[in-house]
Amino acid sequence: MADHLKGKRILIAKPGLDGHDIGAKVVALALRDAGAEVIYTGLRKSPDYIARIAVDEDVDAVGLSILSGSHCELVRQVVNELKGREAGDILLFLGGTIPQEDHAQLKELGVRAIFTADMPLPEVVMTLSRELA
């Protein structure tokens, strides 16, 4: 998996009140091992904070990890904050407990890739590598 994402800057963020971040950290490490420079915001960050860090750090992609069930609203808020900072072109991907029936709405909001807990890490890396090419 090494070097697939060399030179790419990726922000991994945990919006909302969800306090579980093991999955986000595992994905962050896999992306780092694939050559990306990964910035992890930590737990419970606001959409405003996430967008501000994405712009300040000049990232190529933002990955949101959401397990709380509020993924549609949190994604909408992050997208609006990014657009408000003229950064709506940053690739947005999502991981967590995301029901299949919400995928279409999330993609309409601008999410380019959705990863669930049962998705193998090499597939996550390859998908992001393809999306960021």
N, C-alpha and C. Protein backbone atom coordinates (compact mmCIF):
# COMPACT_ATOMS: atom_id res chain seq x y z
N MET A 1 0.81 -1.20 0.00
CA MET A 1 0.00 0.00 0.00
C MET A 1 0.85 1.26 0.00
N ALA A 2 2.12 1.13 0.17
CA ALA A 2 2.97 2.30 0.37
C ALA A 2 2.98 3.23 -0.82
N ASP A 3 2.99 4.51 -0.55
CA ASP A 3 3.17 5.60 -1.51
C ASP A 3 2.02 5.85 -2.48
N HIS A 4 0.87 5.24 -2.30
CA HIS A 4 -0.26 5.50 -3.19
C HIS A 4 -0.74 6.94 -3.09
N LEU A 5 -0.56 7.53 -1.95
CA LEU A 5 -1.09 8.87 -1.70
C LEU A 5 0.02 9.88 -1.41
N LYS A 6 1.20 9.57 -1.88
CA LYS A 6 2.36 10.42 -1.61
C LYS A 6 2.09 11.87 -2.02
N GLY A 7 2.37 12.78 -1.10
CA GLY A 7 2.20 14.20 -1.35
C GLY A 7 0.80 14.73 -1.10
N LYS A 8 -0.15 13.89 -0.81
CA LYS A 8 -1.52 14.33 -0.53
C LYS A 8 -1.65 14.66 0.96
N ARG A 9 -2.42 15.71 1.23
CA ARG A 9 -2.69 16.13 2.61
C ARG A 9 -4.15 15.82 2.92
N ILE A 10 -4.36 15.04 3.97
CA ILE A 10 -5.71 14.58 4.31
C ILE A 10 -6.00 14.89 5.77
N LEU A 11 -7.14 15.52 6.00
CA LEU A 11 -7.61 15.82 7.34
C LEU A 11 -8.63 14.76 7.74
N ILE A 12 -8.43 14.17 8.91
CA ILE A 12 -9.40 13.23 9.47
C ILE A 12 -10.03 13.92 10.67
N ALA A 13 -11.36 13.97 10.70
CA ALA A 13 -12.05 14.73 11.73
C ALA A 13 -13.22 13.94 12.31
N LYS A 14 -13.51 14.22 13.56
CA LYS A 14 -14.63 13.62 14.28
C LYS A 14 -15.60 14.73 14.68
N PRO A 15 -16.57 15.04 13.81
CA PRO A 15 -17.54 16.08 14.18
C PRO A 15 -18.60 15.56 15.15
N GLY A 16 -19.21 16.47 15.84
CA GLY A 16 -20.31 16.09 16.72
C GLY A 16 -19.84 15.58 18.07
N LEU A 17 -20.73 14.90 18.76
CA LEU A 17 -20.47 14.50 20.14
C LEU A 17 -19.97 13.07 20.30
N ASP A 18 -19.86 12.34 19.21
CA ASP A 18 -19.40 10.95 19.25
C ASP A 18 -18.00 10.88 19.87
N GLY A 19 -17.80 9.99 20.82
CA GLY A 19 -16.52 9.89 21.51
C GLY A 19 -15.68 8.69 21.11
N HIS A 20 -16.04 8.01 20.04
CA HIS A 20 -15.31 6.81 19.62
C HIS A 20 -14.45 7.14 18.40
N ASP A 21 -13.14 6.99 18.53
CA ASP A 21 -12.26 7.39 17.43
C ASP A 21 -11.26 6.33 16.98
N ILE A 22 -11.43 5.11 17.42
CA ILE A 22 -10.49 4.05 17.02
C ILE A 22 -10.49 3.88 15.50
N GLY A 23 -11.66 3.83 14.87
CA GLY A 23 -11.74 3.67 13.42
C GLY A 23 -11.06 4.82 12.69
N ALA A 24 -11.29 6.03 13.16
CA ALA A 24 -10.66 7.21 12.54
C ALA A 24 -9.15 7.11 12.63
N LYS A 25 -8.65 6.67 13.76
CA LYS A 25 -7.20 6.55 13.93
C LYS A 25 -6.62 5.44 13.06
N VAL A 26 -7.34 4.34 12.92
CA VAL A 26 -6.89 3.23 12.07
C VAL A 26 -6.81 3.69 10.62
N VAL A 27 -7.83 4.41 10.14
CA VAL A 27 -7.82 4.93 8.78
C VAL A 27 -6.70 5.94 8.61
N ALA A 28 -6.52 6.82 9.59
CA ALA A 28 -5.45 7.82 9.52
C ALA A 28 -4.08 7.14 9.38
N LEU A 29 -3.84 6.09 10.13
CA LEU A 29 -2.57 5.37 10.05
C LEU A 29 -2.41 4.68 8.69
N ALA A 30 -3.48 4.10 8.17
CA ALA A 30 -3.40 3.44 6.86
C ALA A 30 -3.09 4.46 5.77
N LEU A 31 -3.69 5.64 5.85
CA LEU A 31 -3.43 6.68 4.86
C LEU A 31 -2.00 7.20 4.99
N ARG A 32 -1.54 7.35 6.21
CA ARG A 32 -0.15 7.76 6.44
C ARG A 32 0.82 6.73 5.87
N ASP A 33 0.53 5.45 6.12
CA ASP A 33 1.39 4.38 5.60
C ASP A 33 1.38 4.32 4.08
N ALA A 34 0.32 4.86 3.46
CA ALA A 34 0.21 4.90 2.00
C ALA A 34 0.86 6.16 1.43
N GLY A 35 1.48 6.96 2.27
CA GLY A 35 2.23 8.11 1.79
C GLY A 35 1.60 9.46 2.01
N ALA A 36 0.38 9.51 2.52
CA ALA A 36 -0.30 10.79 2.74
C ALA A 36 0.23 11.46 4.01
N GLU A 37 0.14 12.77 4.01
CA GLU A 37 0.37 13.53 5.24
C GLU A 37 -1.01 13.67 5.88
N VAL A 38 -1.18 13.13 7.07
CA VAL A 38 -2.49 13.07 7.71
C VAL A 38 -2.51 13.97 8.94
N ILE A 39 -3.57 14.76 9.03
CA ILE A 39 -3.81 15.62 10.18
C ILE A 39 -5.07 15.10 10.86
N TYR A 40 -4.98 14.80 12.14
CA TYR A 40 -6.15 14.31 12.89
C TYR A 40 -6.57 15.38 13.88
N THR A 41 -7.83 15.78 13.83
CA THR A 41 -8.30 16.87 14.68
C THR A 41 -8.60 16.47 16.10
N GLY A 42 -8.84 15.19 16.35
CA GLY A 42 -9.29 14.78 17.67
C GLY A 42 -10.81 14.74 17.72
N LEU A 43 -11.32 14.46 18.90
CA LEU A 43 -12.75 14.25 19.09
C LEU A 43 -13.55 15.55 19.19
N ARG A 44 -14.81 15.42 18.86
CA ARG A 44 -15.84 16.44 19.12
C ARG A 44 -15.52 17.82 18.57
N LYS A 45 -15.21 17.88 17.29
CA LYS A 45 -14.89 19.15 16.65
C LYS A 45 -16.12 19.67 15.89
N SER A 46 -16.29 20.96 15.89
CA SER A 46 -17.42 21.57 15.20
C SER A 46 -17.17 21.61 13.70
N PRO A 47 -18.23 21.65 12.90
CA PRO A 47 -18.06 21.80 11.45
C PRO A 47 -17.24 23.04 11.10
N ASP A 48 -17.45 24.13 11.81
CA ASP A 48 -16.69 25.36 11.60
C ASP A 48 -15.19 25.11 11.81
N TYR A 49 -14.86 24.45 12.90
CA TYR A 49 -13.46 24.16 13.21
C TYR A 49 -12.84 23.28 12.13
N ILE A 50 -13.57 22.25 11.72
CA ILE A 50 -13.06 21.31 10.71
C ILE A 50 -12.77 22.05 9.40
N ALA A 51 -13.70 22.89 8.97
CA ALA A 51 -13.51 23.64 7.72
C ALA A 51 -12.33 24.61 7.85
N ARG A 52 -12.23 25.27 9.00
CA ARG A 52 -11.13 26.22 9.21
C ARG A 52 -9.77 25.51 9.15
N ILE A 53 -9.66 24.36 9.78
CA ILE A 53 -8.40 23.61 9.76
C ILE A 53 -8.12 23.10 8.35
N ALA A 54 -9.14 22.63 7.64
CA ALA A 54 -8.96 22.15 6.27
C ALA A 54 -8.37 23.24 5.39
N VAL A 55 -8.88 24.45 5.52
CA VAL A 55 -8.38 25.56 4.72
C VAL A 55 -6.99 25.98 5.19
N ASP A 56 -6.82 26.12 6.50
CA ASP A 56 -5.52 26.54 7.04
C ASP A 56 -4.40 25.57 6.68
N GLU A 57 -4.73 24.29 6.65
CA GLU A 57 -3.73 23.26 6.36
C GLU A 57 -3.63 22.93 4.87
N ASP A 58 -4.45 23.57 4.05
CA ASP A 58 -4.44 23.38 2.60
C ASP A 58 -4.52 21.89 2.23
N VAL A 59 -5.55 21.22 2.75
CA VAL A 59 -5.67 19.79 2.52
C VAL A 59 -6.31 19.48 1.17
N ASP A 60 -6.03 18.29 0.69
CA ASP A 60 -6.63 17.78 -0.54
C ASP A 60 -7.95 17.09 -0.27
N ALA A 61 -8.12 16.58 0.95
CA ALA A 61 -9.33 15.83 1.29
C ALA A 61 -9.62 15.96 2.78
N VAL A 62 -10.91 15.83 3.09
CA VAL A 62 -11.37 15.79 4.48
C VAL A 62 -12.15 14.50 4.66
N GLY A 63 -11.76 13.72 5.65
CA GLY A 63 -12.48 12.51 6.00
C GLY A 63 -13.19 12.72 7.31
N LEU A 64 -14.49 12.50 7.32
CA LEU A 64 -15.29 12.62 8.54
C LEU A 64 -15.62 11.23 9.05
N SER A 65 -15.43 11.02 10.34
CA SER A 65 -15.80 9.76 10.97
C SER A 65 -16.98 10.04 11.89
N ILE A 66 -18.12 9.42 11.57
CA ILE A 66 -19.35 9.71 12.32
C ILE A 66 -20.06 8.40 12.67
N LEU A 67 -20.24 8.19 13.95
CA LEU A 67 -20.93 6.99 14.42
C LEU A 67 -22.24 7.33 15.13
N SER A 68 -22.55 8.60 15.27
CA SER A 68 -23.65 9.06 16.12
C SER A 68 -25.02 9.00 15.47
N GLY A 69 -25.10 8.80 14.16
CA GLY A 69 -26.38 8.81 13.48
C GLY A 69 -26.75 10.18 12.94
N SER A 70 -25.96 11.19 13.22
CA SER A 70 -26.26 12.55 12.75
C SER A 70 -25.41 12.90 11.52
N HIS A 71 -25.05 11.89 10.75
CA HIS A 71 -24.14 12.09 9.62
C HIS A 71 -24.68 13.03 8.56
N CYS A 72 -25.96 12.96 8.24
CA CYS A 72 -26.49 13.85 7.18
C CYS A 72 -26.39 15.31 7.59
N GLU A 73 -26.79 15.63 8.79
CA GLU A 73 -26.73 17.02 9.25
C GLU A 73 -25.29 17.49 9.41
N LEU A 74 -24.43 16.67 9.97
CA LEU A 74 -23.03 17.08 10.16
C LEU A 74 -22.33 17.27 8.82
N VAL A 75 -22.58 16.39 7.87
CA VAL A 75 -21.99 16.55 6.53
C VAL A 75 -22.48 17.85 5.90
N ARG A 76 -23.78 18.10 5.99
CA ARG A 76 -24.34 19.33 5.43
C ARG A 76 -23.65 20.56 6.03
N GLN A 77 -23.44 20.55 7.33
CA GLN A 77 -22.81 21.67 8.00
C GLN A 77 -21.35 21.84 7.56
N VAL A 78 -20.62 20.75 7.47
CA VAL A 78 -19.21 20.83 7.03
C VAL A 78 -19.15 21.34 5.59
N VAL A 79 -20.00 20.82 4.72
CA VAL A 79 -20.02 21.27 3.32
C VAL A 79 -20.30 22.77 3.26
N ASN A 80 -21.28 23.23 4.02
CA ASN A 80 -21.61 24.66 4.02
C ASN A 80 -20.45 25.50 4.54
N GLU A 81 -19.77 25.03 5.57
CA GLU A 81 -18.62 25.76 6.11
C GLU A 81 -17.47 25.80 5.10
N LEU A 82 -17.24 24.69 4.40
CA LEU A 82 -16.18 24.68 3.38
C LEU A 82 -16.53 25.63 2.24
N LYS A 83 -17.77 25.58 1.78
CA LYS A 83 -18.19 26.48 0.70
C LYS A 83 -18.08 27.94 1.13
N GLY A 84 -18.42 28.22 2.38
CA GLY A 84 -18.32 29.58 2.89
C GLY A 84 -16.90 30.09 2.93
N ARG A 85 -15.94 29.18 2.91
CA ARG A 85 -14.52 29.54 2.90
C ARG A 85 -13.92 29.36 1.50
N GLU A 86 -14.80 29.25 0.51
CA GLU A 86 -14.39 29.04 -0.88
C GLU A 86 -13.50 27.80 -1.03
N ALA A 87 -13.85 26.77 -0.28
CA ALA A 87 -13.08 25.52 -0.30
C ALA A 87 -13.99 24.33 -0.59
N GLY A 88 -15.07 24.58 -1.33
CA GLY A 88 -16.01 23.52 -1.66
C GLY A 88 -15.46 22.46 -2.58
N ASP A 89 -14.27 22.71 -3.13
CA ASP A 89 -13.66 21.73 -4.04
C ASP A 89 -12.82 20.68 -3.31
N ILE A 90 -12.67 20.82 -2.00
CA ILE A 90 -11.92 19.81 -1.23
C ILE A 90 -12.71 18.51 -1.23
N LEU A 91 -12.05 17.42 -1.58
CA LEU A 91 -12.71 16.11 -1.61
C LEU A 91 -13.17 15.75 -0.20
N LEU A 92 -14.39 15.29 -0.08
CA LEU A 92 -14.96 14.92 1.21
C LEU A 92 -15.31 13.45 1.19
N PHE A 93 -14.84 12.72 2.21
CA PHE A 93 -15.23 11.32 2.34
C PHE A 93 -15.71 11.06 3.75
N LEU A 94 -16.40 9.97 3.93
CA LEU A 94 -17.10 9.70 5.18
C LEU A 94 -16.92 8.25 5.58
N GLY A 95 -16.76 8.03 6.86
CA GLY A 95 -16.68 6.69 7.39
C GLY A 95 -17.49 6.59 8.67
N GLY A 96 -17.90 5.38 8.99
CA GLY A 96 -18.63 5.17 10.23
C GLY A 96 -19.84 4.30 10.03
N THR A 97 -20.82 4.52 10.88
CA THR A 97 -22.06 3.77 10.84
C THR A 97 -23.03 4.55 9.96
N ILE A 98 -22.99 4.25 8.67
CA ILE A 98 -23.75 5.00 7.68
C ILE A 98 -24.71 4.05 6.97
N PRO A 99 -26.00 4.13 7.26
CA PRO A 99 -26.96 3.22 6.61
C PRO A 99 -26.99 3.42 5.09
N GLN A 100 -27.13 2.34 4.38
CA GLN A 100 -27.17 2.37 2.91
C GLN A 100 -28.20 3.35 2.39
N GLU A 101 -29.33 3.45 3.06
CA GLU A 101 -30.40 4.33 2.58
C GLU A 101 -30.04 5.81 2.64
N ASP A 102 -28.97 6.16 3.34
CA ASP A 102 -28.51 7.56 3.41
C ASP A 102 -27.42 7.88 2.39
N HIS A 103 -26.88 6.88 1.73
CA HIS A 103 -25.75 7.10 0.82
C HIS A 103 -26.08 8.08 -0.30
N ALA A 104 -27.24 7.95 -0.92
CA ALA A 104 -27.60 8.83 -2.04
C ALA A 104 -27.67 10.29 -1.59
N GLN A 105 -28.30 10.55 -0.45
CA GLN A 105 -28.40 11.91 0.07
C GLN A 105 -27.01 12.47 0.38
N LEU A 106 -26.16 11.67 0.96
CA LEU A 106 -24.80 12.11 1.30
C LEU A 106 -24.00 12.42 0.04
N LYS A 107 -24.16 11.61 -0.98
CA LYS A 107 -23.47 11.87 -2.25
C LYS A 107 -23.99 13.16 -2.89
N GLU A 108 -25.29 13.42 -2.78
CA GLU A 108 -25.85 14.68 -3.29
C GLU A 108 -25.26 15.88 -2.55
N LEU A 109 -24.94 15.70 -1.28
CA LEU A 109 -24.33 16.78 -0.49
C LEU A 109 -22.88 17.01 -0.88
N GLY A 110 -22.29 16.04 -1.57
CA GLY A 110 -20.91 16.22 -2.02
C GLY A 110 -19.92 15.19 -1.52
N VAL A 111 -20.37 14.20 -0.77
CA VAL A 111 -19.48 13.15 -0.30
C VAL A 111 -19.08 12.29 -1.49
N ARG A 112 -17.78 12.12 -1.68
CA ARG A 112 -17.28 11.37 -2.85
C ARG A 112 -17.10 9.89 -2.57
N ALA A 113 -16.90 9.53 -1.29
CA ALA A 113 -16.72 8.12 -0.95
C ALA A 113 -17.25 7.89 0.45
N ILE A 114 -17.89 6.75 0.64
CA ILE A 114 -18.43 6.37 1.95
C ILE A 114 -17.85 5.02 2.31
N PHE A 115 -17.24 4.96 3.48
CA PHE A 115 -16.59 3.73 3.95
C PHE A 115 -17.29 3.23 5.22
N THR A 116 -17.57 1.95 5.24
CA THR A 116 -18.18 1.34 6.41
C THR A 116 -17.14 0.51 7.15
N ALA A 117 -17.48 0.07 8.33
CA ALA A 117 -16.53 -0.65 9.18
C ALA A 117 -16.06 -1.96 8.56
N ASP A 118 -16.85 -2.55 7.68
CA ASP A 118 -16.46 -3.84 7.11
C ASP A 118 -15.64 -3.70 5.82
N MET A 119 -15.30 -2.48 5.44
CA MET A 119 -14.53 -2.25 4.22
C MET A 119 -13.04 -2.46 4.51
N PRO A 120 -12.34 -3.27 3.74
CA PRO A 120 -10.91 -3.50 3.97
C PRO A 120 -10.10 -2.21 3.76
N LEU A 121 -9.11 -1.99 4.61
CA LEU A 121 -8.27 -0.79 4.52
C LEU A 121 -7.63 -0.61 3.14
N PRO A 122 -7.12 -1.67 2.50
CA PRO A 122 -6.55 -1.45 1.16
C PRO A 122 -7.56 -0.87 0.17
N GLU A 123 -8.83 -1.23 0.33
CA GLU A 123 -9.86 -0.68 -0.55
C GLU A 123 -10.08 0.82 -0.26
N VAL A 124 -10.03 1.20 1.01
CA VAL A 124 -10.15 2.61 1.39
C VAL A 124 -9.01 3.41 0.75
N VAL A 125 -7.79 2.89 0.90
CA VAL A 125 -6.61 3.58 0.36
C VAL A 125 -6.70 3.68 -1.16
N MET A 126 -7.06 2.61 -1.83
CA MET A 126 -7.13 2.63 -3.29
C MET A 126 -8.23 3.56 -3.79
N THR A 127 -9.36 3.57 -3.11
CA THR A 127 -10.44 4.47 -3.51
C THR A 127 -10.00 5.92 -3.39
N LEU A 128 -9.38 6.28 -2.27
CA LEU A 128 -8.93 7.66 -2.10
C LEU A 128 -7.81 8.01 -3.07
N SER A 129 -6.94 7.07 -3.32
CA SER A 129 -5.88 7.29 -4.29
C SER A 129 -6.46 7.61 -5.66
N ARG A 130 -7.47 6.87 -6.06
CA ARG A 130 -8.15 7.08 -7.34
C ARG A 130 -8.87 8.44 -7.36
N GLU A 131 -9.57 8.75 -6.29
CA GLU A 131 -10.33 9.99 -6.21
C GLU A 131 -9.43 11.23 -6.20
N LEU A 132 -8.24 11.08 -5.65
CA LEU A 132 -7.31 12.23 -5.54
C LEU A 132 -6.31 12.31 -6.68
N ALA A 133 -6.42 11.39 -7.64
CA ALA A 133 -5.47 11.38 -8.77
C ALA A 133 -5.64 12.60 -9.65
